[in-house]
Amino acid sequence: MKGNDRVWVIRGWDSTKQIFEATVKYGYFSENQMKCLLKALTAKHGLTDNEIVESYARKNTKIASSHLDVQVFGKPYCLSCGDNPYFTAQVDKSE
């Protein structure tokens, strides 16, 4: 797959129910930007204001939480953020 043949497929899930889907060209977002986008979507759809504050606190502090940690998976390449709801971004070949 060449760079211009790939897309990010972004999906939001509430348990097994899909609540969001968007497809954007791969080159429109860096990996870091995509991680930030997943964090924003997760915060918007699943966290209270206080949980968002806790998620941005320094690690190993009294209030720190892992609500917005992003996991990276291999094949197919996929990023995931959140527990429930949660959001994923997977690199896929464009149709």
N, C-alpha and C. Protein backbone atom coordinates (compact mmCIF):
# COMPACT_ATOMS: atom_id res chain seq x y z
N MET A 1 0.84 -1.19 0.00
CA MET A 1 0.00 0.00 0.00
C MET A 1 0.87 1.24 0.00
N LYS A 2 0.65 2.09 -0.95
CA LYS A 2 1.34 3.37 -0.95
C LYS A 2 0.60 4.32 -0.02
N GLY A 3 1.31 5.38 0.41
CA GLY A 3 0.74 6.34 1.34
C GLY A 3 -0.58 6.93 0.88
N ASN A 4 -0.71 7.20 -0.43
CA ASN A 4 -1.93 7.82 -0.92
C ASN A 4 -3.06 6.81 -1.12
N ASP A 5 -2.78 5.52 -0.93
CA ASP A 5 -3.81 4.49 -1.03
C ASP A 5 -4.42 4.16 0.33
N ARG A 6 -3.89 4.74 1.38
CA ARG A 6 -4.32 4.36 2.72
C ARG A 6 -5.25 5.41 3.33
N VAL A 7 -6.05 4.95 4.27
CA VAL A 7 -6.96 5.82 5.01
C VAL A 7 -6.93 5.44 6.48
N TRP A 8 -7.33 6.38 7.31
CA TRP A 8 -7.63 6.10 8.72
C TRP A 8 -9.12 5.84 8.80
N VAL A 9 -9.52 4.70 9.34
CA VAL A 9 -10.93 4.42 9.61
C VAL A 9 -11.11 4.59 11.12
N ILE A 10 -11.87 5.60 11.50
CA ILE A 10 -12.06 5.95 12.91
C ILE A 10 -13.46 5.49 13.31
N ARG A 11 -13.51 4.71 14.39
CA ARG A 11 -14.79 4.21 14.86
C ARG A 11 -14.93 4.42 16.36
N GLY A 12 -16.16 4.68 16.78
CA GLY A 12 -16.48 4.78 18.19
C GLY A 12 -17.43 3.66 18.57
N TRP A 13 -17.22 3.12 19.76
CA TRP A 13 -18.00 1.98 20.22
C TRP A 13 -18.52 2.21 21.62
N ASP A 14 -19.76 1.85 21.85
CA ASP A 14 -20.34 1.78 23.19
C ASP A 14 -20.68 0.31 23.37
N SER A 15 -19.82 -0.40 24.07
CA SER A 15 -19.86 -1.85 24.17
C SER A 15 -19.70 -2.41 22.76
N THR A 16 -20.69 -3.11 22.24
CA THR A 16 -20.58 -3.65 20.88
C THR A 16 -21.35 -2.82 19.85
N LYS A 17 -21.97 -1.74 20.29
CA LYS A 17 -22.74 -0.87 19.40
C LYS A 17 -21.85 0.24 18.84
N GLN A 18 -21.78 0.32 17.52
CA GLN A 18 -20.98 1.37 16.89
C GLN A 18 -21.74 2.69 16.99
N ILE A 19 -21.04 3.74 17.51
CA ILE A 19 -21.68 5.05 17.71
C ILE A 19 -21.10 6.14 16.82
N PHE A 20 -20.02 5.81 16.10
CA PHE A 20 -19.36 6.82 15.27
C PHE A 20 -18.51 6.13 14.22
N GLU A 21 -18.43 6.73 13.04
CA GLU A 21 -17.48 6.26 12.02
C GLU A 21 -17.12 7.40 11.09
N ALA A 22 -15.84 7.50 10.78
CA ALA A 22 -15.34 8.47 9.81
C ALA A 22 -14.13 7.87 9.13
N THR A 23 -13.95 8.22 7.87
CA THR A 23 -12.79 7.78 7.11
C THR A 23 -12.11 9.01 6.54
N VAL A 24 -10.79 9.12 6.79
CA VAL A 24 -10.01 10.26 6.29
C VAL A 24 -8.73 9.74 5.66
N LYS A 25 -8.22 10.49 4.71
CA LYS A 25 -6.97 10.08 4.07
C LYS A 25 -5.85 9.99 5.10
N TYR A 26 -5.01 9.01 4.93
CA TYR A 26 -3.93 8.73 5.86
C TYR A 26 -3.02 9.95 6.05
N GLY A 27 -2.71 10.64 4.98
CA GLY A 27 -1.78 11.76 5.03
C GLY A 27 -2.33 13.01 5.72
N TYR A 28 -3.61 13.03 6.03
CA TYR A 28 -4.21 14.20 6.67
C TYR A 28 -3.87 14.29 8.15
N PHE A 29 -3.47 13.18 8.76
CA PHE A 29 -3.16 13.14 10.18
C PHE A 29 -1.86 12.39 10.42
N SER A 30 -1.02 12.94 11.28
CA SER A 30 0.14 12.18 11.76
C SER A 30 -0.37 11.20 12.81
N GLU A 31 0.47 10.26 13.22
CA GLU A 31 0.07 9.34 14.28
C GLU A 31 -0.23 10.10 15.57
N ASN A 32 0.59 11.09 15.88
CA ASN A 32 0.37 11.87 17.09
C ASN A 32 -0.95 12.64 17.04
N GLN A 33 -1.26 13.22 15.90
CA GLN A 33 -2.54 13.92 15.75
C GLN A 33 -3.72 12.96 15.90
N MET A 34 -3.58 11.75 15.36
CA MET A 34 -4.65 10.78 15.47
C MET A 34 -4.84 10.36 16.93
N LYS A 35 -3.75 10.20 17.67
CA LYS A 35 -3.86 9.89 19.10
C LYS A 35 -4.61 11.00 19.83
N CYS A 36 -4.29 12.25 19.52
CA CYS A 36 -4.96 13.39 20.14
C CYS A 36 -6.44 13.41 19.78
N LEU A 37 -6.76 13.10 18.54
CA LEU A 37 -8.16 13.05 18.11
C LEU A 37 -8.93 11.98 18.87
N LEU A 38 -8.34 10.80 19.01
CA LEU A 38 -9.00 9.73 19.76
C LEU A 38 -9.23 10.13 21.21
N LYS A 39 -8.25 10.81 21.80
CA LYS A 39 -8.41 11.30 23.18
C LYS A 39 -9.58 12.28 23.26
N ALA A 40 -9.68 13.19 22.31
CA ALA A 40 -10.75 14.18 22.32
C ALA A 40 -12.12 13.52 22.17
N LEU A 41 -12.24 12.57 21.26
CA LEU A 41 -13.51 11.88 21.06
C LEU A 41 -13.89 11.07 22.29
N THR A 42 -12.91 10.40 22.89
CA THR A 42 -13.17 9.61 24.10
C THR A 42 -13.62 10.51 25.23
N ALA A 43 -12.95 11.64 25.41
CA ALA A 43 -13.31 12.58 26.46
C ALA A 43 -14.72 13.12 26.23
N LYS A 44 -15.02 13.50 25.01
CA LYS A 44 -16.33 14.07 24.69
C LYS A 44 -17.46 13.09 24.97
N HIS A 45 -17.27 11.85 24.59
CA HIS A 45 -18.36 10.88 24.65
C HIS A 45 -18.43 10.07 25.94
N GLY A 46 -17.35 10.08 26.74
CA GLY A 46 -17.38 9.17 27.87
C GLY A 46 -16.87 9.65 29.21
N LEU A 47 -16.32 10.86 29.29
CA LEU A 47 -15.70 11.28 30.54
C LEU A 47 -16.35 12.53 31.12
N THR A 48 -16.32 12.61 32.44
CA THR A 48 -16.76 13.84 33.11
C THR A 48 -15.61 14.85 33.03
N ASP A 49 -15.90 16.08 33.37
CA ASP A 49 -14.86 17.10 33.39
C ASP A 49 -13.72 16.71 34.33
N ASN A 50 -14.06 16.20 35.51
CA ASN A 50 -13.03 15.80 36.47
C ASN A 50 -12.19 14.64 35.96
N GLU A 51 -12.81 13.69 35.27
CA GLU A 51 -12.05 12.56 34.70
C GLU A 51 -11.07 13.04 33.63
N ILE A 52 -11.47 14.06 32.87
CA ILE A 52 -10.56 14.63 31.87
C ILE A 52 -9.36 15.28 32.55
N VAL A 53 -9.62 16.05 33.60
CA VAL A 53 -8.53 16.68 34.36
C VAL A 53 -7.59 15.60 34.89
N GLU A 54 -8.12 14.56 35.48
CA GLU A 54 -7.30 13.47 36.03
C GLU A 54 -6.48 12.78 34.94
N SER A 55 -7.03 12.68 33.75
CA SER A 55 -6.34 12.02 32.64
C SER A 55 -5.12 12.80 32.15
N TYR A 56 -5.12 14.12 32.37
CA TYR A 56 -4.00 14.95 31.93
C TYR A 56 -3.00 15.24 33.05
N ALA A 57 -3.28 14.74 34.25
CA ALA A 57 -2.35 14.93 35.36
C ALA A 57 -1.09 14.10 35.12
N ARG A 58 0.01 14.53 35.71
CA ARG A 58 1.26 13.78 35.59
C ARG A 58 1.08 12.37 36.09
N LYS A 59 1.69 11.44 35.41
CA LYS A 59 1.64 10.03 35.83
C LYS A 59 2.21 9.89 37.22
N ASN A 60 1.73 8.92 37.94
CA ASN A 60 2.18 8.61 39.31
C ASN A 60 1.86 9.71 40.32
N THR A 61 0.93 10.61 39.99
CA THR A 61 0.46 11.57 40.98
C THR A 61 -0.84 11.05 41.57
N LYS A 62 -1.25 11.66 42.66
CA LYS A 62 -2.43 11.19 43.40
C LYS A 62 -3.70 11.17 42.54
N ILE A 63 -3.86 12.12 41.63
CA ILE A 63 -5.10 12.20 40.85
C ILE A 63 -5.00 11.59 39.45
N ALA A 64 -3.83 11.13 39.05
CA ALA A 64 -3.64 10.64 37.68
C ALA A 64 -4.52 9.43 37.38
N SER A 65 -5.05 9.41 36.16
CA SER A 65 -5.82 8.25 35.70
C SER A 65 -5.39 7.89 34.28
N SER A 66 -5.81 6.74 33.83
CA SER A 66 -5.41 6.27 32.50
C SER A 66 -6.58 6.27 31.52
N HIS A 67 -7.61 7.07 31.79
CA HIS A 67 -8.79 7.10 30.92
C HIS A 67 -8.45 7.42 29.47
N LEU A 68 -7.44 8.25 29.25
CA LEU A 68 -7.13 8.68 27.88
C LEU A 68 -5.82 8.12 27.36
N ASP A 69 -5.34 7.04 27.94
CA ASP A 69 -4.15 6.39 27.40
C ASP A 69 -4.51 5.75 26.06
N VAL A 70 -3.58 5.82 25.11
CA VAL A 70 -3.80 5.25 23.78
C VAL A 70 -2.93 4.01 23.64
N GLN A 71 -3.57 2.91 23.26
CA GLN A 71 -2.85 1.66 22.99
C GLN A 71 -2.60 1.54 21.49
N VAL A 72 -1.47 0.93 21.15
CA VAL A 72 -1.11 0.70 19.75
C VAL A 72 -1.04 -0.80 19.52
N PHE A 73 -1.73 -1.24 18.48
CA PHE A 73 -1.74 -2.66 18.13
C PHE A 73 -1.13 -2.85 16.75
N GLY A 74 -0.63 -4.04 16.49
CA GLY A 74 0.08 -4.37 15.25
C GLY A 74 -0.78 -4.60 14.05
N LYS A 75 -1.05 -5.81 13.69
CA LYS A 75 -1.64 -6.13 12.39
C LYS A 75 -3.12 -6.39 12.50
N PRO A 76 -3.98 -5.62 11.84
CA PRO A 76 -3.66 -4.39 11.12
C PRO A 76 -3.36 -3.27 12.12
N TYR A 77 -2.58 -2.29 11.68
CA TYR A 77 -2.16 -1.20 12.55
C TYR A 77 -3.38 -0.46 13.08
N CYS A 78 -3.48 -0.36 14.41
CA CYS A 78 -4.67 0.22 15.03
C CYS A 78 -4.29 0.93 16.32
N LEU A 79 -4.94 2.07 16.56
CA LEU A 79 -4.83 2.81 17.82
C LEU A 79 -6.17 2.70 18.53
N SER A 80 -6.15 2.66 19.86
CA SER A 80 -7.38 2.56 20.62
C SER A 80 -7.28 3.41 21.88
N CYS A 81 -8.40 4.07 22.22
CA CYS A 81 -8.44 4.93 23.41
C CYS A 81 -9.78 4.77 24.10
N GLY A 82 -9.74 4.59 25.42
CA GLY A 82 -10.95 4.52 26.21
C GLY A 82 -11.33 3.11 26.59
N ASP A 83 -12.28 3.04 27.52
CA ASP A 83 -12.79 1.75 27.98
C ASP A 83 -14.18 1.50 27.41
N ASN A 84 -15.13 2.32 27.77
CA ASN A 84 -16.47 2.20 27.22
C ASN A 84 -17.23 3.49 27.53
N PRO A 85 -17.46 4.32 26.54
CA PRO A 85 -17.18 4.07 25.13
C PRO A 85 -15.68 4.16 24.84
N TYR A 86 -15.31 3.60 23.69
CA TYR A 86 -13.92 3.67 23.26
C TYR A 86 -13.88 3.96 21.76
N PHE A 87 -12.73 4.47 21.33
CA PHE A 87 -12.56 4.86 19.93
C PHE A 87 -11.31 4.21 19.37
N THR A 88 -11.40 3.81 18.10
CA THR A 88 -10.27 3.18 17.42
C THR A 88 -9.99 3.92 16.11
N ALA A 89 -8.75 3.84 15.69
CA ALA A 89 -8.35 4.36 14.37
C ALA A 89 -7.46 3.31 13.75
N GLN A 90 -7.88 2.80 12.62
CA GLN A 90 -7.16 1.72 11.96
C GLN A 90 -6.73 2.18 10.57
N VAL A 91 -5.49 1.87 10.23
CA VAL A 91 -5.00 2.17 8.88
C VAL A 91 -5.51 1.08 7.96
N ASP A 92 -6.13 1.49 6.87
CA ASP A 92 -6.72 0.54 5.93
C ASP A 92 -6.46 1.02 4.51
N LYS A 93 -6.65 0.15 3.58
CA LYS A 93 -6.52 0.51 2.16
C LYS A 93 -7.80 1.19 1.71
N SER A 94 -7.67 2.28 0.98
CA SER A 94 -8.87 2.97 0.49
C SER A 94 -9.57 2.14 -0.55
N GLU A 95 -10.86 2.33 -0.62
CA GLU A 95 -11.67 1.54 -1.57
C GLU A 95 -11.57 2.12 -2.95
